[in-house]
Full PDB file with SEQRES, HELIX, SHEET, SSBOND, CRYST1, ORIGX, SCALE, CONECT and MASTER records, all heavy atoms in Angstrom:
SEQRES   1 A   42  SER GLU MET LYS GLU VAL ILE THR ASP GLY LEU THR ARG          
SEQRES   2 A   42  VAL LYS HIS THR GLU VAL ASN ALA GLU ALA VAL SER LEU          
SEQRES   3 A   42  SER GLU CYS ASP ILE ALA PRO ASP LEU LYS GLU MET LYS          
SEQRES   4 A   42  ALA ASN VAL                                                  
HELIX    1 AA1 LYS A    4  GLY A   10  1                                   7    
HELIX    2 AA2 LEU A   26  GLU A   28  5                                   3    
SHEET    1 AA1 2 ARG A  13  VAL A  14  0                                        
SHEET    2 AA1 2 THR A  17  GLU A  18 -1                                        
CRYST1    1.000    1.000    1.000  90.00  90.00  90.00 P 1           1          
ORIGX1      1.000000  0.000000  0.000000        0.00000                         
ORIGX2      0.000000  1.000000  0.000000        0.00000                         
ORIGX3      0.000000  0.000000  1.000000        0.00000                         
SCALE1      1.000000  0.000000  0.000000        0.00000                         
SCALE2      0.000000  1.000000  0.000000        0.00000                         
SCALE3      0.000000  0.000000  1.000000        0.00000                         
ATOM      1  N   SER A   1       8.328  -8.705   2.460  1.00  0.00           N  
ATOM      2  CA  SER A   1       8.432  -7.445   3.188  1.00  0.00           C  
ATOM      3  C   SER A   1       9.827  -7.178   3.746  1.00  0.00           C  
ATOM      4  O   SER A   1      10.249  -6.018   3.842  1.00  0.00           O  
ATOM      5  CB  SER A   1       7.396  -7.401   4.320  1.00  0.00           C  
ATOM      6  OG  SER A   1       6.092  -7.260   3.780  1.00  0.00           O  
ATOM      7  N   GLU A   2      10.558  -8.241   4.091  1.00  0.00           N  
ATOM      8  CA  GLU A   2      11.911  -8.058   4.625  1.00  0.00           C  
ATOM      9  C   GLU A   2      12.855  -7.412   3.623  1.00  0.00           C  
ATOM     10  O   GLU A   2      13.897  -6.862   4.000  1.00  0.00           O  
ATOM     11  CB  GLU A   2      12.493  -9.397   5.077  1.00  0.00           C  
ATOM     12  CG  GLU A   2      11.872  -9.964   6.344  1.00  0.00           C  
ATOM     13  CD  GLU A   2      10.620 -10.781   6.061  1.00  0.00           C  
ATOM     14  OE1 GLU A   2      10.053 -10.655   4.959  1.00  0.00           O  
ATOM     15  OE2 GLU A   2      10.206 -11.540   6.957  1.00  0.00           O  
ATOM     16  N   MET A   3      12.506  -7.454   2.350  1.00  0.00           N  
ATOM     17  CA  MET A   3      13.359  -6.889   1.305  1.00  0.00           C  
ATOM     18  C   MET A   3      13.006  -5.452   0.952  1.00  0.00           C  
ATOM     19  O   MET A   3      13.654  -4.840   0.107  1.00  0.00           O  
ATOM     20  CB  MET A   3      13.265  -7.752   0.029  1.00  0.00           C  
ATOM     21  CG  MET A   3      13.875  -9.134   0.154  1.00  0.00           C  
ATOM     22  SD  MET A   3      15.681  -9.063   0.313  1.00  0.00           S  
ATOM     23  CE  MET A   3      15.845  -9.473   2.064  1.00  0.00           C  
ATOM     24  N   LYS A   4      11.986  -4.909   1.587  1.00  0.00           N  
ATOM     25  CA  LYS A   4      11.498  -3.572   1.217  1.00  0.00           C  
ATOM     26  C   LYS A   4      12.607  -2.521   1.302  1.00  0.00           C  
ATOM     27  O   LYS A   4      12.859  -1.790   0.338  1.00  0.00           O  
ATOM     28  CB  LYS A   4      10.320  -3.181   2.115  1.00  0.00           C  
ATOM     29  CG  LYS A   4       9.778  -1.790   1.830  1.00  0.00           C  
ATOM     30  CD  LYS A   4       8.513  -1.516   2.606  1.00  0.00           C  
ATOM     31  CE  LYS A   4       8.767  -1.464   4.097  1.00  0.00           C  
ATOM     32  NZ  LYS A   4       7.540  -1.079   4.855  1.00  0.00           N  
ATOM     33  N   GLU A   5      13.270  -2.434   2.424  1.00  0.00           N  
ATOM     34  CA  GLU A   5      14.286  -1.392   2.593  1.00  0.00           C  
ATOM     35  C   GLU A   5      15.528  -1.664   1.751  1.00  0.00           C  
ATOM     36  O   GLU A   5      16.198  -0.722   1.308  1.00  0.00           O  
ATOM     37  CB  GLU A   5      14.652  -1.256   4.068  1.00  0.00           C  
ATOM     38  CG  GLU A   5      13.532  -0.673   4.908  1.00  0.00           C  
ATOM     39  CD  GLU A   5      13.954  -0.422   6.342  1.00  0.00           C  
ATOM     40  OE1 GLU A   5      15.132  -0.669   6.674  1.00  0.00           O  
ATOM     41  OE2 GLU A   5      13.101   0.022   7.133  1.00  0.00           O  
ATOM     42  N   VAL A   6      15.838  -2.940   1.525  1.00  0.00           N  
ATOM     43  CA  VAL A   6      16.975  -3.271   0.655  1.00  0.00           C  
ATOM     44  C   VAL A   6      16.762  -2.664  -0.726  1.00  0.00           C  
ATOM     45  O   VAL A   6      17.681  -2.093  -1.333  1.00  0.00           O  
ATOM     46  CB  VAL A   6      17.162  -4.803   0.551  1.00  0.00           C  
ATOM     47  CG1 VAL A   6      18.256  -5.140  -0.466  1.00  0.00           C  
ATOM     48  CG2 VAL A   6      17.499  -5.392   1.916  1.00  0.00           C  
ATOM     49  N   ILE A   7      15.521  -2.754  -1.213  1.00  0.00           N  
ATOM     50  CA  ILE A   7      15.217  -2.252  -2.553  1.00  0.00           C  
ATOM     51  C   ILE A   7      15.092  -0.730  -2.562  1.00  0.00           C  
ATOM     52  O   ILE A   7      15.672  -0.052  -3.417  1.00  0.00           O  
ATOM     53  CB  ILE A   7      13.929  -2.907  -3.088  1.00  0.00           C  
ATOM     54  CG1 ILE A   7      14.129  -4.418  -3.222  1.00  0.00           C  
ATOM     55  CG2 ILE A   7      13.548  -2.303  -4.445  1.00  0.00           C  
ATOM     56  CD1 ILE A   7      12.860  -5.177  -3.578  1.00  0.00           C  
ATOM     57  N   THR A   8      14.345  -0.176  -1.617  1.00  0.00           N  
ATOM     58  CA  THR A   8      14.146   1.278  -1.629  1.00  0.00           C  
ATOM     59  C   THR A   8      15.453   2.030  -1.372  1.00  0.00           C  
ATOM     60  O   THR A   8      15.661   3.120  -1.903  1.00  0.00           O  
ATOM     61  CB  THR A   8      13.093   1.703  -0.584  1.00  0.00           C  
ATOM     62  OG1 THR A   8      13.473   1.203   0.705  1.00  0.00           O  
ATOM     63  CG2 THR A   8      11.721   1.165  -0.959  1.00  0.00           C  
ATOM     64  N   ASP A   9      16.351   1.431  -0.576  1.00  0.00           N  
ATOM     65  CA  ASP A   9      17.633   2.088  -0.300  1.00  0.00           C  
ATOM     66  C   ASP A   9      18.681   1.806  -1.372  1.00  0.00           C  
ATOM     67  O   ASP A   9      19.531   2.661  -1.660  1.00  0.00           O  
ATOM     68  CB  ASP A   9      18.196   1.635   1.058  1.00  0.00           C  
ATOM     69  CG  ASP A   9      17.358   2.113   2.231  1.00  0.00           C  
ATOM     70  OD1 ASP A   9      16.538   3.018   2.035  1.00  0.00           O  
ATOM     71  OD2 ASP A   9      17.525   1.561   3.341  1.00  0.00           O  
ATOM     72  N   GLY A  10      18.616   0.623  -1.964  1.00  0.00           N  
ATOM     73  CA  GLY A  10      19.711   0.207  -2.837  1.00  0.00           C  
ATOM     74  C   GLY A  10      19.473   0.347  -4.328  1.00  0.00           C  
ATOM     75  O   GLY A  10      20.432   0.437  -5.109  1.00  0.00           O  
ATOM     76  N   LEU A  11      18.211   0.360  -4.756  1.00  0.00           N  
ATOM     77  CA  LEU A  11      17.933   0.404  -6.196  1.00  0.00           C  
ATOM     78  C   LEU A  11      17.887   1.855  -6.667  1.00  0.00           C  
ATOM     79  O   LEU A  11      16.910   2.573  -6.443  1.00  0.00           O  
ATOM     80  CB  LEU A  11      16.614  -0.302  -6.510  1.00  0.00           C  
ATOM     81  CG  LEU A  11      16.320  -0.509  -8.003  1.00  0.00           C  
ATOM     82  CD1 LEU A  11      17.398  -1.360  -8.656  1.00  0.00           C  
ATOM     83  CD2 LEU A  11      14.962  -1.170  -8.195  1.00  0.00           C  
ATOM     84  N   THR A  12      18.936   2.290  -7.312  1.00  0.00           N  
ATOM     85  CA  THR A  12      19.025   3.681  -7.785  1.00  0.00           C  
ATOM     86  C   THR A  12      19.154   3.769  -9.299  1.00  0.00           C  
ATOM     87  O   THR A  12      19.034   4.855  -9.863  1.00  0.00           O  
ATOM     88  CB  THR A  12      20.233   4.392  -7.143  1.00  0.00           C  
ATOM     89  OG1 THR A  12      21.433   3.671  -7.482  1.00  0.00           O  
ATOM     90  CG2 THR A  12      20.085   4.445  -5.630  1.00  0.00           C  
ATOM     91  N   ARG A  13      19.425   2.645  -9.950  1.00  0.00           N  
ATOM     92  CA  ARG A  13      19.622   2.665 -11.401  1.00  0.00           C  
ATOM     93  C   ARG A  13      19.120   1.369 -12.018  1.00  0.00           C  
ATOM     94  O   ARG A  13      19.361   0.285 -11.483  1.00  0.00           O  
ATOM     95  CB  ARG A  13      21.105   2.862 -11.728  1.00  0.00           C  
ATOM     96  CG  ARG A  13      21.418   3.043 -13.221  1.00  0.00           C  
ATOM     97  CD  ARG A  13      22.890   3.407 -13.422  1.00  0.00           C  
ATOM     98  NE  ARG A  13      23.204   4.691 -12.811  1.00  0.00           N  
ATOM     99  CZ  ARG A  13      23.017   5.859 -13.421  1.00  0.00           C  
ATOM    100  NH1 ARG A  13      22.513   5.910 -14.647  1.00  0.00           N  
ATOM    101  NH2 ARG A  13      23.332   6.986 -12.807  1.00  0.00           N  
ATOM    102  N   VAL A  14      18.421   1.494 -13.121  1.00  0.00           N  
ATOM    103  CA  VAL A  14      17.994   0.340 -13.910  1.00  0.00           C  
ATOM    104  C   VAL A  14      18.506   0.551 -15.322  1.00  0.00           C  
ATOM    105  O   VAL A  14      18.179   1.563 -15.953  1.00  0.00           O  
ATOM    106  CB  VAL A  14      16.459   0.183 -13.912  1.00  0.00           C  
ATOM    107  CG1 VAL A  14      16.043  -0.982 -14.802  1.00  0.00           C  
ATOM    108  CG2 VAL A  14      15.953  -0.030 -12.494  1.00  0.00           C  
ATOM    109  N   LYS A  15      19.339  -0.384 -15.788  1.00  0.00           N  
ATOM    110  CA  LYS A  15      20.019  -0.225 -17.065  1.00  0.00           C  
ATOM    111  C   LYS A  15      20.867   1.055 -16.983  1.00  0.00           C  
ATOM    112  O   LYS A  15      21.723   1.160 -16.120  1.00  0.00           O  
ATOM    113  CB  LYS A  15      19.009  -0.203 -18.211  1.00  0.00           C  
ATOM    114  CG  LYS A  15      19.577  -0.631 -19.552  1.00  0.00           C  
ATOM    115  CD  LYS A  15      18.467  -0.782 -20.584  1.00  0.00           C  
ATOM    116  CE  LYS A  15      19.030  -1.212 -21.917  1.00  0.00           C  
ATOM    117  NZ  LYS A  15      17.961  -1.356 -22.938  1.00  0.00           N  
ATOM    118  N   HIS A  16      20.617   2.035 -17.840  1.00  0.00           N  
ATOM    119  CA  HIS A  16      21.369   3.296 -17.770  1.00  0.00           C  
ATOM    120  C   HIS A  16      20.532   4.426 -17.177  1.00  0.00           C  
ATOM    121  O   HIS A  16      20.916   5.593 -17.243  1.00  0.00           O  
ATOM    122  CB  HIS A  16      21.839   3.706 -19.172  1.00  0.00           C  
ATOM    123  CG  HIS A  16      22.618   2.646 -19.877  1.00  0.00           C  
ATOM    124  ND1 HIS A  16      23.828   2.189 -19.423  1.00  0.00           N  
ATOM    125  CD2 HIS A  16      22.341   1.927 -21.005  1.00  0.00           C  
ATOM    126  CE1 HIS A  16      24.280   1.247 -20.229  1.00  0.00           C  
ATOM    127  NE2 HIS A  16      23.400   1.066 -21.200  1.00  0.00           N  
ATOM    128  N   THR A  17      19.388   4.067 -16.595  1.00  0.00           N  
ATOM    129  CA  THR A  17      18.428   5.062 -16.140  1.00  0.00           C  
ATOM    130  C   THR A  17      18.440   5.205 -14.621  1.00  0.00           C  
ATOM    131  O   THR A  17      18.293   4.216 -13.901  1.00  0.00           O  
ATOM    132  CB  THR A  17      17.007   4.673 -16.604  1.00  0.00           C  
ATOM    133  OG1 THR A  17      16.971   4.610 -18.033  1.00  0.00           O  
ATOM    134  CG2 THR A  17      15.977   5.681 -16.117  1.00  0.00           C  
ATOM    135  N   GLU A  18      18.588   6.426 -14.141  1.00  0.00           N  
ATOM    136  CA  GLU A  18      18.500   6.690 -12.710  1.00  0.00           C  
ATOM    137  C   GLU A  18      17.028   6.634 -12.293  1.00  0.00           C  
ATOM    138  O   GLU A  18      16.156   7.184 -12.973  1.00  0.00           O  
ATOM    139  CB  GLU A  18      19.073   8.075 -12.401  1.00  0.00           C  
ATOM    140  CG  GLU A  18      19.181   8.375 -10.909  1.00  0.00           C  
ATOM    141  CD  GLU A  18      19.796   9.737 -10.636  1.00  0.00           C  
ATOM    142  OE1 GLU A  18      20.213  10.416 -11.606  1.00  0.00           O  
ATOM    143  OE2 GLU A  18      19.842  10.132  -9.452  1.00  0.00           O  
ATOM    144  N   VAL A  19      16.752   5.952 -11.178  1.00  0.00           N  
ATOM    145  CA  VAL A  19      15.368   5.737 -10.769  1.00  0.00           C  
ATOM    146  C   VAL A  19      15.162   6.074  -9.294  1.00  0.00           C  
ATOM    147  O   VAL A  19      16.107   6.100  -8.501  1.00  0.00           O  
ATOM    148  CB  VAL A  19      14.925   4.269 -11.007  1.00  0.00           C  
ATOM    149  CG1 VAL A  19      14.991   3.914 -12.484  1.00  0.00           C  
ATOM    150  CG2 VAL A  19      15.766   3.304 -10.174  1.00  0.00           C  
ATOM    151  N   ASN A  20      13.899   6.302  -8.963  1.00  0.00           N  
ATOM    152  CA  ASN A  20      13.464   6.414  -7.578  1.00  0.00           C  
ATOM    153  C   ASN A  20      12.711   5.150  -7.202  1.00  0.00           C  
ATOM    154  O   ASN A  20      11.914   4.642  -8.005  1.00  0.00           O  
ATOM    155  CB  ASN A  20      12.528   7.620  -7.386  1.00  0.00           C  
ATOM    156  CG  ASN A  20      13.267   8.942  -7.399  1.00  0.00           C  
ATOM    157  OD1 ASN A  20      14.381   9.037  -6.901  1.00  0.00           O  
ATOM    158  ND2 ASN A  20      12.641   9.965  -7.963  1.00  0.00           N  
ATOM    159  N   ALA A  21      12.949   4.643  -5.989  1.00  0.00           N  
ATOM    160  CA  ALA A  21      12.243   3.465  -5.501  1.00  0.00           C  
ATOM    161  C   ALA A  21      11.541   3.826  -4.200  1.00  0.00           C  
ATOM    162  O   ALA A  21      12.189   4.249  -3.236  1.00  0.00           O  
ATOM    163  CB  ALA A  21      13.222   2.312  -5.278  1.00  0.00           C  
ATOM    164  N   GLU A  22      10.222   3.666  -4.188  1.00  0.00           N  
ATOM    165  CA  GLU A  22       9.472   3.996  -2.980  1.00  0.00           C  
ATOM    166  C   GLU A  22       8.423   2.922  -2.713  1.00  0.00           C  
ATOM    167  O   GLU A  22       7.831   2.355  -3.630  1.00  0.00           O  
ATOM    168  CB  GLU A  22       8.782   5.357  -3.123  1.00  0.00           C  
ATOM    169  CG  GLU A  22       7.802   5.430  -4.282  1.00  0.00           C  
ATOM    170  CD  GLU A  22       7.073   6.766  -4.357  1.00  0.00           C  
ATOM    171  OE1 GLU A  22       6.960   7.424  -3.312  1.00  0.00           O  
ATOM    172  OE2 GLU A  22       6.610   7.122  -5.455  1.00  0.00           O  
ATOM    173  N   ALA A  23       8.226   2.638  -1.421  1.00  0.00           N  
ATOM    174  CA  ALA A  23       7.205   1.673  -1.024  1.00  0.00           C  
ATOM    175  C   ALA A  23       5.833   2.330  -1.101  1.00  0.00           C  
ATOM    176  O   ALA A  23       5.653   3.473  -0.670  1.00  0.00           O  
ATOM    177  CB  ALA A  23       7.477   1.173   0.386  1.00  0.00           C  
ATOM    178  N   VAL A  24       4.866   1.603  -1.675  1.00  0.00           N  
ATOM    179  CA  VAL A  24       3.489   2.083  -1.753  1.00  0.00           C  
ATOM    180  C   VAL A  24       2.568   0.966  -1.284  1.00  0.00           C  
ATOM    181  O   VAL A  24       2.979  -0.182  -1.138  1.00  0.00           O  
ATOM    182  CB  VAL A  24       3.118   2.528  -3.192  1.00  0.00           C  
ATOM    183  CG1 VAL A  24       3.963   3.706  -3.630  1.00  0.00           C  
ATOM    184  CG2 VAL A  24       3.276   1.374  -4.175  1.00  0.00           C  
ATOM    185  N   SER A  25       1.313   1.292  -1.049  1.00  0.00           N  
ATOM    186  CA  SER A  25       0.363   0.280  -0.585  1.00  0.00           C  
ATOM    187  C   SER A  25       0.062  -0.724  -1.694  1.00  0.00           C  
ATOM    188  O   SER A  25       0.194  -0.414  -2.882  1.00  0.00           O  
ATOM    189  CB  SER A  25      -0.927   0.942  -0.125  1.00  0.00           C  
ATOM    190  OG  SER A  25      -1.598   1.528  -1.223  1.00  0.00           O  
ATOM    191  N   LEU A  26      -0.366  -1.916  -1.296  1.00  0.00           N  
ATOM    192  CA  LEU A  26      -0.687  -2.937  -2.289  1.00  0.00           C  
ATOM    193  C   LEU A  26      -1.815  -2.480  -3.216  1.00  0.00           C  
ATOM    194  O   LEU A  26      -1.836  -2.843  -4.392  1.00  0.00           O  
ATOM    195  CB  LEU A  26      -1.083  -4.248  -1.599  1.00  0.00           C  
ATOM    196  CG  LEU A  26       0.013  -4.981  -0.819  1.00  0.00           C  
ATOM    197  CD1 LEU A  26      -0.532  -6.269  -0.239  1.00  0.00           C  
ATOM    198  CD2 LEU A  26       1.221  -5.267  -1.709  1.00  0.00           C  
ATOM    199  N   SER A  27      -2.722  -1.676  -2.694  1.00  0.00           N  
ATOM    200  CA  SER A  27      -3.843  -1.216  -3.526  1.00  0.00           C  
ATOM    201  C   SER A  27      -3.382  -0.326  -4.679  1.00  0.00           C  
ATOM    202  O   SER A  27      -4.028  -0.248  -5.720  1.00  0.00           O  
ATOM    203  CB  SER A  27      -4.866  -0.465  -2.679  1.00  0.00           C  
ATOM    204  OG  SER A  27      -4.290   0.692  -2.096  1.00  0.00           O  
ATOM    205  N   GLU A  28      -2.236   0.320  -4.517  1.00  0.00           N  
ATOM    206  CA  GLU A  28      -1.697   1.178  -5.579  1.00  0.00           C  
ATOM    207  C   GLU A  28      -0.945   0.374  -6.626  1.00  0.00           C  
ATOM    208  O   GLU A  28      -0.570   0.919  -7.670  1.00  0.00           O  
ATOM    209  CB  GLU A  28      -0.759   2.227  -4.974  1.00  0.00           C  
ATOM    210  CG  GLU A  28      -1.425   3.248  -4.079  1.00  0.00           C  
ATOM    211  CD  GLU A  28      -0.437   4.251  -3.528  1.00  0.00           C  
ATOM    212  OE1 GLU A  28       0.039   5.099  -4.307  1.00  0.00           O  
ATOM    213  OE2 GLU A  28      -0.133   4.180  -2.320  1.00  0.00           O  
ATOM    214  N   CYS A  29      -0.722  -0.897  -6.359  1.00  0.00           N  
ATOM    215  CA  CYS A  29       0.082  -1.725  -7.265  1.00  0.00           C  
ATOM    216  C   CYS A  29      -0.744  -2.659  -8.134  1.00  0.00           C  
ATOM    217  O   CYS A  29      -0.202  -3.310  -9.021  1.00  0.00           O  
ATOM    218  CB  CYS A  29       1.049  -2.598  -6.448  1.00  0.00           C  
ATOM    219  SG  CYS A  29       2.373  -1.693  -5.665  1.00  0.00           S  
ATOM    220  N   ASP A  30      -2.026  -2.767  -7.858  1.00  0.00           N  
ATOM    221  CA  ASP A  30      -2.834  -3.784  -8.538  1.00  0.00           C  
ATOM    222  C   ASP A  30      -3.176  -3.344  -9.953  1.00  0.00           C  
ATOM    223  O   ASP A  30      -4.283  -2.907 -10.258  1.00  0.00           O  
ATOM    224  CB  ASP A  30      -4.106  -4.069  -7.744  1.00  0.00           C  
ATOM    225  CG  ASP A  30      -4.735  -5.392  -8.139  1.00  0.00           C  
ATOM    226  OD1 ASP A  30      -4.164  -6.083  -8.994  1.00  0.00           O  
ATOM    227  OD2 ASP A  30      -5.789  -5.728  -7.594  1.00  0.00           O  
ATOM    228  N   ILE A  31      -2.190  -3.455 -10.833  1.00  0.00           N  
ATOM    229  CA  ILE A  31      -2.353  -3.058 -12.232  1.00  0.00           C  
ATOM    230  C   ILE A  31      -2.734  -4.283 -13.056  1.00  0.00           C  
ATOM    231  O   ILE A  31      -2.032  -5.297 -13.032  1.00  0.00           O  
ATOM    232  CB  ILE A  31      -1.055  -2.458 -12.792  1.00  0.00           C  
ATOM    233  CG1 ILE A  31      -0.646  -1.247 -11.954  1.00  0.00           C  
ATOM    234  CG2 ILE A  31      -1.206  -2.078 -14.248  1.00  0.00           C  
ATOM    235  CD1 ILE A  31       0.709  -0.719 -12.326  1.00  0.00           C  
ATOM    236  N   ALA A  32      -3.821  -4.197 -13.759  1.00  0.00           N  
ATOM    237  CA  ALA A  32      -4.234  -5.323 -14.594  1.00  0.00           C  
ATOM    238  C   ALA A  32      -3.295  -5.444 -15.789  1.00  0.00           C  
ATOM    239  O   ALA A  32      -2.910  -4.437 -16.388  1.00  0.00           O  
ATOM    240  CB  ALA A  32      -5.665  -5.119 -15.077  1.00  0.00           C  
ATOM    241  N   PRO A  33      -2.905  -6.670 -16.138  1.00  0.00           N  
ATOM    242  CA  PRO A  33      -2.049  -6.835 -17.315  1.00  0.00           C  
ATOM    243  C   PRO A  33      -2.791  -6.462 -18.584  1.00  0.00           C  
ATOM    244  O   PRO A  33      -4.027  -6.532 -18.647  1.00  0.00           O  
ATOM    245  CB  PRO A  33      -1.728  -8.341 -17.293  1.00  0.00           C  
ATOM    246  CG  PRO A  33      -2.842  -8.955 -16.520  1.00  0.00           C  
ATOM    247  CD  PRO A  33      -3.246  -7.940 -15.491  1.00  0.00           C  
ATOM    248  N   ASP A  34      -2.060  -6.032 -19.592  1.00  0.00           N  
ATOM    249  CA  ASP A  34      -2.663  -5.707 -20.878  1.00  0.00           C  
ATOM    250  C   ASP A  34      -2.960  -6.991 -21.638  1.00  0.00           C  
ATOM    251  O   ASP A  34      -2.046  -7.789 -21.896  1.00  0.00           O  
ATOM    252  CB  ASP A  34      -1.727  -4.813 -21.699  1.00  0.00           C  
ATOM    253  CG  ASP A  34      -1.614  -3.416 -21.119  1.00  0.00           C  
ATOM    254  OD1 ASP A  34      -2.582  -2.953 -20.498  1.00  0.00           O  
ATOM    255  OD2 ASP A  34      -0.551  -2.784 -21.286  1.00  0.00           O  
ATOM    256  N   LEU A  35      -4.221  -7.177 -21.972  1.00  0.00           N  
ATOM    257  CA  LEU A  35      -4.645  -8.378 -22.691  1.00  0.00           C  
ATOM    258  C   LEU A  35      -5.324  -7.977 -23.997  1.00  0.00           C  
ATOM    259  O   LEU A  35      -6.174  -7.085 -24.011  1.00  0.00           O  
ATOM    260  CB  LEU A  35      -5.613  -9.207 -21.841  1.00  0.00           C  
ATOM    261  CG  LEU A  35      -5.076  -9.766 -20.529  1.00  0.00           C  
ATOM    262  CD1 LEU A  35      -6.208 -10.376 -19.712  1.00  0.00           C  
ATOM    263  CD2 LEU A  35      -3.991 -10.806 -20.794  1.00  0.00           C  
ATOM    264  N   LYS A  36      -4.937  -8.635 -25.069  1.00  0.00           N  
ATOM    265  CA  LYS A  36      -5.519  -8.373 -26.382  1.00  0.00           C  
ATOM    266  C   LYS A  36      -6.442  -9.527 -26.754  1.00  0.00           C  
ATOM    267  O   LYS A  36      -6.012 -10.675 -26.817  1.00  0.00           O  
ATOM    268  CB  LYS A  36      -4.412  -8.231 -27.428  1.00  0.00           C  
ATOM    269  CG  LYS A  36      -4.911  -8.031 -28.852  1.00  0.00           C  
ATOM    270  CD  LYS A  36      -3.750  -7.984 -29.827  1.00  0.00           C  
ATOM    271  CE  LYS A  36      -4.224  -7.851 -31.260  1.00  0.00           C  
ATOM    272  NZ  LYS A  36      -3.083  -7.867 -32.219  1.00  0.00           N  
ATOM    273  N   GLU A  37      -7.720  -9.227 -26.975  1.00  0.00           N  
ATOM    274  CA  GLU A  37      -8.666 -10.269 -27.363  1.00  0.00           C  
ATOM    275  C   GLU A  37      -8.392 -10.713 -28.796  1.00  0.00           C  
ATOM    276  O   GLU A  37      -8.190  -9.884 -29.675  1.00  0.00           O  
ATOM    277  CB  GLU A  37     -10.097  -9.771 -27.222  1.00  0.00           C  
ATOM    278  CG  GLU A  37     -10.512  -9.522 -25.780  1.00  0.00           C  
ATOM    279  CD  GLU A  37     -11.984  -9.187 -25.651  1.00  0.00           C  
ATOM    280  OE1 GLU A  37     -12.678  -9.146 -26.692  1.00  0.00           O  
ATOM    281  OE2 GLU A  37     -12.441  -8.982 -24.518  1.00  0.00           O  
ATOM    282  N   MET A  38      -8.382 -12.024 -28.989  1.00  0.00           N  
ATOM    283  CA  MET A  38      -8.104 -12.589 -30.317  1.00  0.00           C  
ATOM    284  C   MET A  38      -9.067 -13.730 -30.613  1.00  0.00           C  
ATOM    285  O   MET A  38      -9.681 -14.290 -29.701  1.00  0.00           O  
ATOM    286  CB  MET A  38      -6.660 -13.119 -30.382  1.00  0.00           C  
ATOM    287  CG  MET A  38      -5.583 -12.076 -30.361  1.00  0.00           C  
ATOM    288  SD  MET A  38      -3.935 -12.843 -30.510  1.00  0.00           S  
ATOM    289  CE  MET A  38      -4.083 -13.738 -32.086  1.00  0.00           C  
ATOM    290  N   LYS A  39      -9.161 -14.058 -31.881  1.00  0.00           N  
ATOM    291  CA  LYS A  39      -9.887 -15.244 -32.314  1.00  0.00           C  
ATOM    292  C   LYS A  39      -8.982 -16.024 -33.255  1.00  0.00           C  
ATOM    293  O   LYS A  39      -8.169 -15.443 -33.970  1.00  0.00           O  
ATOM    294  CB  LYS A  39     -11.192 -14.867 -33.019  1.00  0.00           C  
ATOM    295  CG  LYS A  39     -12.185 -14.149 -32.125  1.00  0.00           C  
ATOM    296  CD  LYS A  39     -13.446 -13.766 -32.880  1.00  0.00           C  
ATOM    297  CE  LYS A  39     -14.392 -13.000 -31.969  1.00  0.00           C  
ATOM    298  NZ  LYS A  39     -15.633 -12.584 -32.676  1.00  0.00           N  
ATOM    299  N   ALA A  40      -9.113 -17.323 -33.227  1.00  0.00           N  
ATOM    300  CA  ALA A  40      -8.296 -18.175 -34.098  1.00  0.00           C  
ATOM    301  C   ALA A  40      -9.173 -19.258 -34.709  1.00  0.00           C  
ATOM    302  O   ALA A  40     -10.114 -19.746 -34.071  1.00  0.00           O  
ATOM    303  CB  ALA A  40      -7.140 -18.793 -33.316  1.00  0.00           C  
ATOM    304  N   ASN A  41      -8.853 -19.621 -35.946  1.00  0.00           N  
ATOM    305  CA  ASN A  41      -9.555 -20.684 -36.666  1.00  0.00           C  
ATOM    306  C   ASN A  41      -8.686 -21.929 -36.616  1.00  0.00           C  
ATOM    307  O   ASN A  41      -7.589 -21.954 -37.173  1.00  0.00           O  
ATOM    308  CB  ASN A  41      -9.790 -20.232 -38.111  1.00  0.00           C  
ATOM    309  CG  ASN A  41     -10.598 -21.238 -38.909  1.00  0.00           C  
ATOM    310  OD1 ASN A  41     -10.725 -22.396 -38.544  1.00  0.00           O  
ATOM    311  ND2 ASN A  41     -11.146 -20.780 -40.035  1.00  0.00           N  
ATOM    312  N   VAL A  42      -9.160 -22.967 -35.912  1.00  0.00           N  
ATOM    313  CA  VAL A  42      -8.336 -24.165 -35.698  1.00  0.00           C  
ATOM    314  C   VAL A  42      -9.130 -25.424 -36.045  1.00  0.00           C  
ATOM    315  O   VAL A  42     -10.361 -25.419 -36.083  1.00  0.00           O  
ATOM    316  CB  VAL A  42      -7.846 -24.257 -34.237  1.00  0.00           C  
ATOM    317  CG1 VAL A  42      -6.932 -23.081 -33.909  1.00  0.00           C  
ATOM    318  CG2 VAL A  42      -9.016 -24.293 -33.265  1.00  0.00           C  
TER     319      VAL A  42                                                      
MASTER        0    0    0    2    2    0    0    6  318    1    0    4          
END                                                                             
């Protein structure tokens, strides 16, 4: 949490892309990773 303002104030560009950085609640961040179901013959 101590880094929140450092990031929201300082992060304006990623690679060559201008970005917005804003703090949001943890509930808005809980994105499930993309998982692909597979089977293997071993």
